[in-house]
Amino acid sequence: MGGFWSSVSTKYPSGKRTALDQARMQLLQQLLAAELNASAFGSVPSGGEGMFAIWESAYCGTDQKKMQIAQKEAATFNTSGDSASFTPGTSAESKFARYIANLEFWNATK
């Protein structure tokens, strides 16, 4: 949860992230969503399952441009929709999710 709820520009409870860590946080949020979507719904990015390794490699690296490209690719995958029908089962509880999120963990993004 902390990866989703952490601020891109600031650390918890205070402190500014570097431009590189801001790019890493933006990628992180899309990467987490992409991996959860693939796990929950069996979805695969247009480049195949290997795209996850490419995105993870960008996240672990220091090339901000690669992070930005990976973030955009993962975001495209996450917003591409799904043709399968499913029943989620429960509604999201954003207030509780934010409460349990370990924001401080994500101060160190790598």
PDB file of N, CA and C in Angstrom:
ATOM      1  N   MET A   1       0.808  -1.197   0.000  1.00  0.00           N
ATOM      2  CA  MET A   1       0.000   0.000   0.000  1.00  0.00           C
ATOM      3  C   MET A   1       0.852   1.261   0.000  1.00  0.00           C
ATOM      4  N   GLY A   2       1.976   1.203   0.689  1.00  0.00           N
ATOM      5  CA  GLY A   2       2.827   2.380   0.788  1.00  0.00           C
ATOM      6  C   GLY A   2       3.325   2.871  -0.561  1.00  0.00           C
ATOM      7  N   GLY A   3       3.585   1.943  -1.477  1.00  0.00           N
ATOM      8  CA  GLY A   3       4.028   2.323  -2.810  1.00  0.00           C
ATOM      9  C   GLY A   3       2.990   3.140  -3.553  1.00  0.00           C
ATOM     10  N   PHE A   4       1.729   2.814  -3.330  1.00  0.00           N
ATOM     11  CA  PHE A   4       0.656   3.555  -3.988  1.00  0.00           C
ATOM     12  C   PHE A   4       0.375   4.902  -3.322  1.00  0.00           C
ATOM     13  N   TRP A   5       0.477   4.946  -2.011  1.00  0.00           N
ATOM     14  CA  TRP A   5       0.070   6.146  -1.281  1.00  0.00           C
ATOM     15  C   TRP A   5       1.218   7.115  -1.005  1.00  0.00           C
ATOM     16  N   SER A   6       2.449   6.696  -1.233  1.00  0.00           N
ATOM     17  CA  SER A   6       3.585   7.596  -1.004  1.00  0.00           C
ATOM     18  C   SER A   6       3.588   8.731  -2.013  1.00  0.00           C
ATOM     19  N   SER A   7       4.024   9.875  -1.575  1.00  0.00           N
ATOM     20  CA  SER A   7       4.124  11.037  -2.448  1.00  0.00           C
ATOM     21  C   SER A   7       5.277  10.852  -3.438  1.00  0.00           C
ATOM     22  N   VAL A   8       5.075  11.283  -4.643  1.00  0.00           N
ATOM     23  CA  VAL A   8       6.128  11.214  -5.647  1.00  0.00           C
ATOM     24  C   VAL A   8       7.220  12.235  -5.345  1.00  0.00           C
ATOM     25  N   SER A   9       6.851  13.408  -4.905  1.00  0.00           N
ATOM     26  CA  SER A   9       7.830  14.488  -4.744  1.00  0.00           C
ATOM     27  C   SER A   9       8.453  14.599  -3.358  1.00  0.00           C
ATOM     28  N   THR A  10       7.791  14.065  -2.338  1.00  0.00           N
ATOM     29  CA  THR A  10       8.328  14.208  -0.985  1.00  0.00           C
ATOM     30  C   THR A  10       8.378  12.872  -0.252  1.00  0.00           C
ATOM     31  N   LYS A  11       9.307  12.803   0.679  1.00  0.00           N
ATOM     32  CA  LYS A  11       9.436  11.625   1.537  1.00  0.00           C
ATOM     33  C   LYS A  11       8.502  11.780   2.727  1.00  0.00           C
ATOM     34  N   TYR A  12       8.301  10.700   3.471  1.00  0.00           N
ATOM     35  CA  TYR A  12       7.449  10.728   4.652  1.00  0.00           C
ATOM     36  C   TYR A  12       8.328  10.764   5.887  1.00  0.00           C
ATOM     37  N   PRO A  13       8.111  11.609   6.850  1.00  0.00           N
ATOM     38  CA  PRO A  13       7.081  12.630   6.945  1.00  0.00           C
ATOM     39  C   PRO A  13       7.484  13.936   6.261  1.00  0.00           C
ATOM     40  N   SER A  14       8.772  14.072   5.888  1.00  0.00           N
ATOM     41  CA  SER A  14       9.182  15.288   5.188  1.00  0.00           C
ATOM     42  C   SER A  14      10.488  15.034   4.440  1.00  0.00           C
ATOM     43  N   GLY A  15      10.810  15.914   3.546  1.00  0.00           N
ATOM     44  CA  GLY A  15      12.031  15.813   2.757  1.00  0.00           C
ATOM     45  C   GLY A  15      11.691  15.655   1.288  1.00  0.00           C
ATOM     46  N   LYS A  16      12.468  16.279   0.450  1.00  0.00           N
ATOM     47  CA  LYS A  16      12.212  16.250  -0.984  1.00  0.00           C
ATOM     48  C   LYS A  16      12.942  15.073  -1.629  1.00  0.00           C
ATOM     49  N   ARG A  17      12.294  14.442  -2.589  1.00  0.00           N
ATOM     50  CA  ARG A  17      12.934  13.392  -3.372  1.00  0.00           C
ATOM     51  C   ARG A  17      13.743  14.035  -4.498  1.00  0.00           C
ATOM     52  N   THR A  18      14.820  13.379  -4.893  1.00  0.00           N
ATOM     53  CA  THR A  18      15.584  13.831  -6.044  1.00  0.00           C
ATOM     54  C   THR A  18      14.749  13.599  -7.304  1.00  0.00           C
ATOM     55  N   ALA A  19      15.138  14.222  -8.399  1.00  0.00           N
ATOM     56  CA  ALA A  19      14.432  14.013  -9.667  1.00  0.00           C
ATOM     57  C   ALA A  19      14.470  12.540 -10.063  1.00  0.00           C
ATOM     58  N   LEU A  20      15.597  11.874  -9.827  1.00  0.00           N
ATOM     59  CA  LEU A  20      15.708  10.450 -10.141  1.00  0.00           C
ATOM     60  C   LEU A  20      14.735   9.632  -9.303  1.00  0.00           C
ATOM     61  N   ASP A  21      14.660   9.915  -8.005  1.00  0.00           N
ATOM     62  CA  ASP A  21      13.732   9.167  -7.146  1.00  0.00           C
ATOM     63  C   ASP A  21      12.277   9.502  -7.438  1.00  0.00           C
ATOM     64  N   GLN A  22      12.002  10.696  -7.924  1.00  0.00           N
ATOM     65  CA  GLN A  22      10.632  11.020  -8.337  1.00  0.00           C
ATOM     66  C   GLN A  22      10.248  10.180  -9.555  1.00  0.00           C
ATOM     67  N   ALA A  23      11.164  10.040 -10.497  1.00  0.00           N
ATOM     68  CA  ALA A  23      10.897   9.185 -11.667  1.00  0.00           C
ATOM     69  C   ALA A  23      10.727   7.737 -11.229  1.00  0.00           C
ATOM     70  N   ARG A  24      11.540   7.321 -10.259  1.00  0.00           N
ATOM     71  CA  ARG A  24      11.440   5.946  -9.753  1.00  0.00           C
ATOM     72  C   ARG A  24      10.089   5.712  -9.070  1.00  0.00           C
ATOM     73  N   MET A  25       9.607   6.695  -8.301  1.00  0.00           N
ATOM     74  CA  MET A  25       8.304   6.552  -7.637  1.00  0.00           C
ATOM     75  C   MET A  25       7.163   6.501  -8.648  1.00  0.00           C
ATOM     76  N   GLN A  26       7.252   7.311  -9.694  1.00  0.00           N
ATOM     77  CA  GLN A  26       6.203   7.282 -10.720  1.00  0.00           C
ATOM     78  C   GLN A  26       6.171   5.915 -11.397  1.00  0.00           C
ATOM     79  N   LEU A  27       7.338   5.370 -11.684  1.00  0.00           N
ATOM     80  CA  LEU A  27       7.403   4.027 -12.270  1.00  0.00           C
ATOM     81  C   LEU A  27       6.893   2.998 -11.276  1.00  0.00           C
ATOM     82  N   LEU A  28       7.300   3.119 -10.027  1.00  0.00           N
ATOM     83  CA  LEU A  28       6.879   2.156  -9.006  1.00  0.00           C
ATOM     84  C   LEU A  28       5.366   2.015  -8.958  1.00  0.00           C
ATOM     85  N   GLN A  29       4.671   3.128  -8.955  1.00  0.00           N
ATOM     86  CA  GLN A  29       3.215   3.073  -8.830  1.00  0.00           C
ATOM     87  C   GLN A  29       2.578   2.370 -10.022  1.00  0.00           C
ATOM     88  N   GLN A  30       3.071   2.605 -11.217  1.00  0.00           N
ATOM     89  CA  GLN A  30       2.541   1.914 -12.396  1.00  0.00           C
ATOM     90  C   GLN A  30       2.980   0.449 -12.424  1.00  0.00           C
ATOM     91  N   LEU A  31       4.218   0.187 -11.992  1.00  0.00           N
ATOM     92  CA  LEU A  31       4.728  -1.180 -11.979  1.00  0.00           C
ATOM     93  C   LEU A  31       3.948  -2.055 -11.004  1.00  0.00           C
ATOM     94  N   LEU A  32       3.697  -1.525  -9.808  1.00  0.00           N
ATOM     95  CA  LEU A  32       2.896  -2.292  -8.843  1.00  0.00           C
ATOM     96  C   LEU A  32       1.511  -2.605  -9.406  1.00  0.00           C
ATOM     97  N   ALA A  33       0.876  -1.607  -9.995  1.00  0.00           N
ATOM     98  CA  ALA A  33      -0.457  -1.819 -10.571  1.00  0.00           C
ATOM     99  C   ALA A  33      -0.404  -2.844 -11.695  1.00  0.00           C
ATOM    100  N   ALA A  34       0.615  -2.762 -12.550  1.00  0.00           N
ATOM    101  CA  ALA A  34       0.733  -3.687 -13.674  1.00  0.00           C
ATOM    102  C   ALA A  34       0.914  -5.122 -13.195  1.00  0.00           C
ATOM    103  N   GLU A  35       1.764  -5.302 -12.195  1.00  0.00           N
ATOM    104  CA  GLU A  35       2.004  -6.655 -11.694  1.00  0.00           C
ATOM    105  C   GLU A  35       0.777  -7.211 -10.978  1.00  0.00           C
ATOM    106  N   LEU A  36       0.055  -6.356 -10.274  1.00  0.00           N
ATOM    107  CA  LEU A  36      -1.186  -6.804  -9.639  1.00  0.00           C
ATOM    108  C   LEU A  36      -2.251  -7.133 -10.683  1.00  0.00           C
ATOM    109  N   ASN A  37      -2.351  -6.319 -11.724  1.00  0.00           N
ATOM    110  CA  ASN A  37      -3.311  -6.600 -12.795  1.00  0.00           C
ATOM    111  C   ASN A  37      -2.997  -7.921 -13.479  1.00  0.00           C
ATOM    112  N   ALA A  38      -1.723  -8.165 -13.736  1.00  0.00           N
ATOM    113  CA  ALA A  38      -1.328  -9.416 -14.387  1.00  0.00           C
ATOM    114  C   ALA A  38      -1.646 -10.609 -13.495  1.00  0.00           C
ATOM    115  N   SER A  39      -1.374 -10.473 -12.220  1.00  0.00           N
ATOM    116  CA  SER A  39      -1.625 -11.562 -11.282  1.00  0.00           C
ATOM    117  C   SER A  39      -3.116 -11.826 -11.099  1.00  0.00           C
ATOM    118  N   ALA A  40      -3.880 -10.775 -10.930  1.00  0.00           N
ATOM    119  CA  ALA A  40      -5.309 -10.928 -10.646  1.00  0.00           C
ATOM    120  C   ALA A  40      -6.123 -11.325 -11.871  1.00  0.00           C
ATOM    121  N   PHE A  41      -5.748 -10.801 -13.040  1.00  0.00           N
ATOM    122  CA  PHE A  41      -6.596 -10.971 -14.213  1.00  0.00           C
ATOM    123  C   PHE A  41      -5.942 -11.742 -15.345  1.00  0.00           C
ATOM    124  N   GLY A  42      -4.695 -12.155 -15.167  1.00  0.00           N
ATOM    125  CA  GLY A  42      -4.006 -12.896 -16.216  1.00  0.00           C
ATOM    126  C   GLY A  42      -3.681 -12.036 -17.426  1.00  0.00           C
ATOM    127  N   SER A  43      -3.641 -10.734 -17.243  1.00  0.00           N
ATOM    128  CA  SER A  43      -3.334  -9.820 -18.337  1.00  0.00           C
ATOM    129  C   SER A  43      -1.839  -9.830 -18.616  1.00  0.00           C
ATOM    130  N   VAL A  44      -1.485  -9.561 -19.868  1.00  0.00           N
ATOM    131  CA  VAL A  44      -0.080  -9.502 -20.262  1.00  0.00           C
ATOM    132  C   VAL A  44       0.128  -8.262 -21.126  1.00  0.00           C
ATOM    133  N   PRO A  45       1.202  -7.499 -20.876  1.00  0.00           N
ATOM    134  CA  PRO A  45       1.474  -6.329 -21.721  1.00  0.00           C
ATOM    135  C   PRO A  45       1.681  -6.729 -23.174  1.00  0.00           C
ATOM    136  N   SER A  46       1.530  -5.790 -24.071  1.00  0.00           N
ATOM    137  CA  SER A  46       1.639  -6.091 -25.500  1.00  0.00           C
ATOM    138  C   SER A  46       3.011  -6.654 -25.883  1.00  0.00           C
ATOM    139  N   GLY A  47       4.050  -6.361 -25.146  1.00  0.00           N
ATOM    140  CA  GLY A  47       5.382  -6.904 -25.427  1.00  0.00           C
ATOM    141  C   GLY A  47       5.620  -8.260 -24.800  1.00  0.00           C
ATOM    142  N   GLY A  48       4.609  -8.809 -24.123  1.00  0.00           N
ATOM    143  CA  GLY A  48       4.742 -10.106 -23.466  1.00  0.00           C
ATOM    144  C   GLY A  48       5.172  -9.981 -22.016  1.00  0.00           C
ATOM    145  N   GLU A  49       5.269 -11.119 -21.354  1.00  0.00           N
ATOM    146  CA  GLU A  49       5.620 -11.146 -19.932  1.00  0.00           C
ATOM    147  C   GLU A  49       7.006 -10.571 -19.659  1.00  0.00           C
ATOM    148  N   GLY A  50       7.880 -10.606 -20.644  1.00  0.00           N
ATOM    149  CA  GLY A  50       9.224 -10.069 -20.475  1.00  0.00           C
ATOM    150  C   GLY A  50       9.243  -8.578 -20.194  1.00  0.00           C
ATOM    151  N   MET A  51       8.140  -7.894 -20.492  1.00  0.00           N
ATOM    152  CA  MET A  51       8.073  -6.457 -20.222  1.00  0.00           C
ATOM    153  C   MET A  51       8.219  -6.168 -18.732  1.00  0.00           C
ATOM    154  N   PHE A  52       7.735  -7.069 -17.883  1.00  0.00           N
ATOM    155  CA  PHE A  52       7.853  -6.855 -16.444  1.00  0.00           C
ATOM    156  C   PHE A  52       9.324  -6.796 -16.033  1.00  0.00           C
ATOM    157  N   ALA A  53      10.142  -7.681 -16.595  1.00  0.00           N
ATOM    158  CA  ALA A  53      11.571  -7.679 -16.279  1.00  0.00           C
ATOM    159  C   ALA A  53      12.236  -6.395 -16.775  1.00  0.00           C
ATOM    160  N   ILE A  54      11.832  -5.910 -17.934  1.00  0.00           N
ATOM    161  CA  ILE A  54      12.374  -4.661 -18.470  1.00  0.00           C
ATOM    162  C   ILE A  54      12.010  -3.500 -17.556  1.00  0.00           C
ATOM    163  N   TRP A  55      10.745  -3.445 -17.139  1.00  0.00           N
ATOM    164  CA  TRP A  55      10.293  -2.370 -16.253  1.00  0.00           C
ATOM    165  C   TRP A  55      10.980  -2.445 -14.898  1.00  0.00           C
ATOM    166  N   GLU A  56      11.136  -3.652 -14.369  1.00  0.00           N
ATOM    167  CA  GLU A  56      11.809  -3.823 -13.079  1.00  0.00           C
ATOM    168  C   GLU A  56      13.278  -3.411 -13.175  1.00  0.00           C
ATOM    169  N   SER A  57      13.910  -3.742 -14.285  1.00  0.00           N
ATOM    170  CA  SER A  57      15.297  -3.354 -14.497  1.00  0.00           C
ATOM    171  C   SER A  57      15.430  -1.830 -14.534  1.00  0.00           C
ATOM    172  N   ALA A  58      14.498  -1.174 -15.201  1.00  0.00           N
ATOM    173  CA  ALA A  58      14.509   0.291 -15.240  1.00  0.00           C
ATOM    174  C   ALA A  58      14.344   0.849 -13.828  1.00  0.00           C
ATOM    175  N   TYR A  59      13.451   0.264 -13.055  1.00  0.00           N
ATOM    176  CA  TYR A  59      13.224   0.717 -11.678  1.00  0.00           C
ATOM    177  C   TYR A  59      14.504   0.599 -10.847  1.00  0.00           C
ATOM    178  N   CYS A  60      15.227  -0.481 -11.019  1.00  0.00           N
ATOM    179  CA  CYS A  60      16.429  -0.729 -10.219  1.00  0.00           C
ATOM    180  C   CYS A  60      17.652   0.039 -10.719  1.00  0.00           C
ATOM    181  N   GLY A  61      17.564   0.588 -11.902  1.00  0.00           N
ATOM    182  CA  GLY A  61      18.701   1.292 -12.483  1.00  0.00           C
ATOM    183  C   GLY A  61      18.779   2.749 -12.086  1.00  0.00           C
ATOM    184  N   THR A  62      19.587   3.491 -12.829  1.00  0.00           N
ATOM    185  CA  THR A  62      19.778   4.912 -12.550  1.00  0.00           C
ATOM    186  C   THR A  62      19.520   5.779 -13.778  1.00  0.00           C
ATOM    187  N   ASP A  63      18.964   5.186 -14.829  1.00  0.00           N
ATOM    188  CA  ASP A  63      18.687   5.924 -16.062  1.00  0.00           C
ATOM    189  C   ASP A  63      17.260   6.470 -16.012  1.00  0.00           C
ATOM    190  N   GLN A  64      17.161   7.769 -15.745  1.00  0.00           N
ATOM    191  CA  GLN A  64      15.849   8.397 -15.584  1.00  0.00           C
ATOM    192  C   GLN A  64      15.007   8.271 -16.849  1.00  0.00           C
ATOM    193  N   LYS A  65      15.617   8.366 -18.003  1.00  0.00           N
ATOM    194  CA  LYS A  65      14.886   8.251 -19.277  1.00  0.00           C
ATOM    195  C   LYS A  65      14.258   6.864 -19.400  1.00  0.00           C
ATOM    196  N   LYS A  66      15.005   5.822 -19.051  1.00  0.00           N
ATOM    197  CA  LYS A  66      14.460   4.454 -19.098  1.00  0.00           C
ATOM    198  C   LYS A  66      13.296   4.301 -18.127  1.00  0.00           C
ATOM    199  N   MET A  67      13.411   4.942 -16.966  1.00  0.00           N
ATOM    200  CA  MET A  67      12.321   4.894 -15.989  1.00  0.00           C
ATOM    201  C   MET A  67      11.064   5.547 -16.558  1.00  0.00           C
ATOM    202  N   GLN A  68      11.235   6.688 -17.206  1.00  0.00           N
ATOM    203  CA  GLN A  68      10.088   7.397 -17.780  1.00  0.00           C
ATOM    204  C   GLN A  68       9.438   6.591 -18.892  1.00  0.00           C
ATOM    205  N   ILE A  69      10.241   5.940 -19.718  1.00  0.00           N
ATOM    206  CA  ILE A  69       9.699   5.100 -20.791  1.00  0.00           C
ATOM    207  C   ILE A  69       8.939   3.918 -20.188  1.00  0.00           C
ATOM    208  N   ALA A  70       9.552   3.266 -19.203  1.00  0.00           N
ATOM    209  CA  ALA A  70       8.907   2.119 -18.551  1.00  0.00           C
ATOM    210  C   ALA A  70       7.609   2.537 -17.868  1.00  0.00           C
ATOM    211  N   GLN A  71       7.609   3.700 -17.237  1.00  0.00           N
ATOM    212  CA  GLN A  71       6.407   4.200 -16.566  1.00  0.00           C
ATOM    213  C   GLN A  71       5.286   4.401 -17.574  1.00  0.00           C
ATOM    214  N   LYS A  72       5.604   4.977 -18.711  1.00  0.00           N
ATOM    215  CA  LYS A  72       4.582   5.209 -19.742  1.00  0.00           C
ATOM    216  C   LYS A  72       4.067   3.895 -20.314  1.00  0.00           C
ATOM    217  N   GLU A  73       4.965   2.940 -20.537  1.00  0.00           N
ATOM    218  CA  GLU A  73       4.540   1.639 -21.059  1.00  0.00           C
ATOM    219  C   GLU A  73       3.642   0.912 -20.061  1.00  0.00           C
ATOM    220  N   ALA A  74       4.024   0.929 -18.786  1.00  0.00           N
ATOM    221  CA  ALA A  74       3.215   0.271 -17.757  1.00  0.00           C
ATOM    222  C   ALA A  74       1.863   0.971 -17.613  1.00  0.00           C
ATOM    223  N   ALA A  75       1.855   2.296 -17.695  1.00  0.00           N
ATOM    224  CA  ALA A  75       0.596   3.041 -17.601  1.00  0.00           C
ATOM    225  C   ALA A  75      -0.318   2.694 -18.771  1.00  0.00           C
ATOM    226  N   THR A  76       0.242   2.563 -19.948  1.00  0.00           N
ATOM    227  CA  THR A  76      -0.553   2.170 -21.117  1.00  0.00           C
ATOM    228  C   THR A  76      -1.172   0.798 -20.897  1.00  0.00           C
ATOM    229  N   PHE A  77      -0.371  -0.132 -20.387  1.00  0.00           N
ATOM    230  CA  PHE A  77      -0.882  -1.466 -20.071  1.00  0.00           C
ATOM    231  C   PHE A  77      -2.000  -1.389 -19.039  1.00  0.00           C
ATOM    232  N   ASN A  78      -1.792  -0.589 -17.995  1.00  0.00           N
ATOM    233  CA  ASN A  78      -2.778  -0.496 -16.907  1.00  0.00           C
ATOM    234  C   ASN A  78      -4.090   0.136 -17.339  1.00  0.00           C
ATOM    235  N   THR A  79      -4.061   0.949 -18.349  1.00  0.00           N
ATOM    236  CA  THR A  79      -5.279   1.631 -18.791  1.00  0.00           C
ATOM    237  C   THR A  79      -5.856   1.055 -20.068  1.00  0.00           C
ATOM    238  N   SER A  80      -5.312  -0.074 -20.504  1.00  0.00           N
ATOM    239  CA  SER A  80      -5.771  -0.664 -21.768  1.00  0.00           C
ATOM    240  C   SER A  80      -7.090  -1.415 -21.638  1.00  0.00           C
ATOM    241  N   GLY A  81      -7.541  -1.636 -20.432  1.00  0.00           N
ATOM    242  CA  GLY A  81      -8.816  -2.335 -20.237  1.00  0.00           C
ATOM    243  C   GLY A  81      -8.638  -3.836 -20.286  1.00  0.00           C
ATOM    244  N   ASP A  82      -9.732  -4.528 -20.113  1.00  0.00           N
ATOM    245  CA  ASP A  82      -9.710  -5.980 -20.078  1.00  0.00           C
ATOM    246  C   ASP A  82     -11.010  -6.481 -20.674  1.00  0.00           C
ATOM    247  N   SER A  83     -10.919  -7.498 -21.474  1.00  0.00           N
ATOM    248  CA  SER A  83     -12.126  -8.011 -22.125  1.00  0.00           C
ATOM    249  C   SER A  83     -12.817  -9.092 -21.301  1.00  0.00           C
ATOM    250  N   ALA A  84     -12.157  -9.588 -20.279  1.00  0.00           N
ATOM    251  CA  ALA A  84     -12.762 -10.650 -19.469  1.00  0.00           C
ATOM    252  C   ALA A  84     -13.753 -10.053 -18.477  1.00  0.00           C
ATOM    253  N   SER A  85     -14.758 -10.844 -18.122  1.00  0.00           N
ATOM    254  CA  SER A  85     -15.684 -10.378 -17.095  1.00  0.00           C
ATOM    255  C   SER A  85     -15.282 -11.008 -15.767  1.00  0.00           C
ATOM    256  N   PHE A  86     -15.399 -10.258 -14.714  1.00  0.00           N
ATOM    257  CA  PHE A  86     -15.040 -10.742 -13.398  1.00  0.00           C
ATOM    258  C   PHE A  86     -15.868 -10.003 -12.365  1.00  0.00           C
ATOM    259  N   THR A  87     -15.922 -10.575 -11.181  1.00  0.00           N
ATOM    260  CA  THR A  87     -16.614  -9.947 -10.069  1.00  0.00           C
ATOM    261  C   THR A  87     -15.584  -9.653  -8.992  1.00  0.00           C
ATOM    262  N   PRO A  88     -15.314  -8.383  -8.727  1.00  0.00           N
ATOM    263  CA  PRO A  88     -14.272  -8.049  -7.758  1.00  0.00           C
ATOM    264  C   PRO A  88     -14.499  -8.649  -6.377  1.00  0.00           C
ATOM    265  N   GLY A  89     -15.715  -8.715  -5.923  1.00  0.00           N
ATOM    266  CA  GLY A  89     -15.983  -9.308  -4.616  1.00  0.00           C
ATOM    267  C   GLY A  89     -16.144  -8.303  -3.500  1.00  0.00           C
ATOM    268  N   THR A  90     -15.312  -7.287  -3.443  1.00  0.00           N
ATOM    269  CA  THR A  90     -15.422  -6.271  -2.404  1.00  0.00           C
ATOM    270  C   THR A  90     -15.125  -4.901  -2.993  1.00  0.00           C
ATOM    271  N   SER A  91     -15.504  -3.896  -2.277  1.00  0.00           N
ATOM    272  CA  SER A  91     -15.205  -2.530  -2.692  1.00  0.00           C
ATOM    273  C   SER A  91     -13.885  -2.093  -2.073  1.00  0.00           C
ATOM    274  N   ALA A  92     -13.217  -1.184  -2.734  1.00  0.00           N
ATOM    275  CA  ALA A  92     -11.970  -0.646  -2.196  1.00  0.00           C
ATOM    276  C   ALA A  92     -12.248   0.192  -0.960  1.00  0.00           C
ATOM    277  N   GLU A  93     -11.343   0.151  -0.024  1.00  0.00           N
ATOM    278  CA  GLU A  93     -11.454   0.938   1.198  1.00  0.00           C
ATOM    279  C   GLU A  93     -10.234   1.850   1.283  1.00  0.00           C
ATOM    280  N   SER A  94     -10.282   2.967   0.571  1.00  0.00           N
ATOM    281  CA  SER A  94      -9.113   3.833   0.465  1.00  0.00           C
ATOM    282  C   SER A  94      -8.661   4.401   1.807  1.00  0.00           C
ATOM    283  N   LYS A  95      -9.583   4.714   2.681  1.00  0.00           N
ATOM    284  CA  LYS A  95      -9.212   5.272   3.988  1.00  0.00           C
ATOM    285  C   LYS A  95      -8.401   4.251   4.793  1.00  0.00           C
ATOM    286  N   PHE A  96      -8.835   3.011   4.792  1.00  0.00           N
ATOM    287  CA  PHE A  96      -8.115   1.952   5.504  1.00  0.00           C
ATOM    288  C   PHE A  96      -6.780   1.662   4.817  1.00  0.00           C
ATOM    289  N   ALA A  97      -6.775   1.644   3.486  1.00  0.00           N
ATOM    290  CA  ALA A  97      -5.547   1.376   2.741  1.00  0.00           C
ATOM    291  C   ALA A  97      -4.478   2.419   3.068  1.00  0.00           C
ATOM    292  N   ARG A  98      -4.865   3.657   3.120  1.00  0.00           N
ATOM    293  CA  ARG A  98      -3.909   4.724   3.451  1.00  0.00           C
ATOM    294  C   ARG A  98      -3.427   4.561   4.900  1.00  0.00           C
ATOM    295  N   TYR A  99      -4.326   4.149   5.779  1.00  0.00           N
ATOM    296  CA  TYR A  99      -3.977   3.964   7.184  1.00  0.00           C
ATOM    297  C   TYR A  99      -2.909   2.879   7.356  1.00  0.00           C
ATOM    298  N   ILE A 100      -3.017   1.778   6.637  1.00  0.00           N
ATOM    299  CA  ILE A 100      -2.072   0.669   6.805  1.00  0.00           C
ATOM    300  C   ILE A 100      -0.822   0.811   5.941  1.00  0.00           C
ATOM    301  N   ALA A 101      -0.786   1.801   5.063  1.00  0.00           N
ATOM    302  CA  ALA A 101       0.346   1.985   4.166  1.00  0.00           C
ATOM    303  C   ALA A 101       1.610   2.351   4.941  1.00  0.00           C
ATOM    304  N   ASN A 102       2.697   1.660   4.663  1.00  0.00           N
ATOM    305  CA  ASN A 102       3.988   1.959   5.280  1.00  0.00           C
ATOM    306  C   ASN A 102       4.708   2.974   4.399  1.00  0.00           C
ATOM    307  N   LEU A 103       4.395   4.246   4.580  1.00  0.00           N
ATOM    308  CA  LEU A 103       4.946   5.303   3.743  1.00  0.00           C
ATOM    309  C   LEU A 103       6.446   5.489   3.962  1.00  0.00           C
ATOM    310  N   GLU A 104       6.897   5.345   5.181  1.00  0.00           N
ATOM    311  CA  GLU A 104       8.306   5.567   5.491  1.00  0.00           C
ATOM    312  C   GLU A 104       9.198   4.556   4.770  1.00  0.00           C
ATOM    313  N   PHE A 105       8.706   3.332   4.563  1.00  0.00           N
ATOM    314  CA  PHE A 105       9.479   2.319   3.851  1.00  0.00           C
ATOM    315  C   PHE A 105       9.919   2.809   2.485  1.00  0.00           C
ATOM    316  N   TRP A 106       9.063   3.579   1.822  1.00  0.00           N
ATOM    317  CA  TRP A 106       9.342   4.022   0.459  1.00  0.00           C
ATOM    318  C   TRP A 106      10.158   5.304   0.400  1.00  0.00           C
ATOM    319  N   ASN A 107      10.687   5.777   1.535  1.00  0.00           N
ATOM    320  CA  ASN A 107      11.630   6.897   1.507  1.00  0.00           C
ATOM    321  C   ASN A 107      12.899   6.495   0.760  1.00  0.00           C
ATOM    322  N   ALA A 108      13.289   5.246   0.892  1.00  0.00           N
ATOM    323  CA  ALA A 108      14.410   4.678   0.140  1.00  0.00           C
ATOM    324  C   ALA A 108      13.792   3.886  -1.011  1.00  0.00           C
ATOM    325  N   THR A 109      13.835   4.426  -2.201  1.00  0.00           N
ATOM    326  CA  THR A 109      13.118   3.790  -3.314  1.00  0.00           C
ATOM    327  C   THR A 109      13.883   2.673  -3.986  1.00  0.00           C
ATOM    328  N   LYS A 110      15.109   2.459  -3.601  1.00  0.00           N
ATOM    329  CA  LYS A 110      15.895   1.403  -4.256  1.00  0.00           C
ATOM    330  C   LYS A 110      16.538   0.527  -3.221  1.00  0.00           C
TER     331      LYS A 110
END
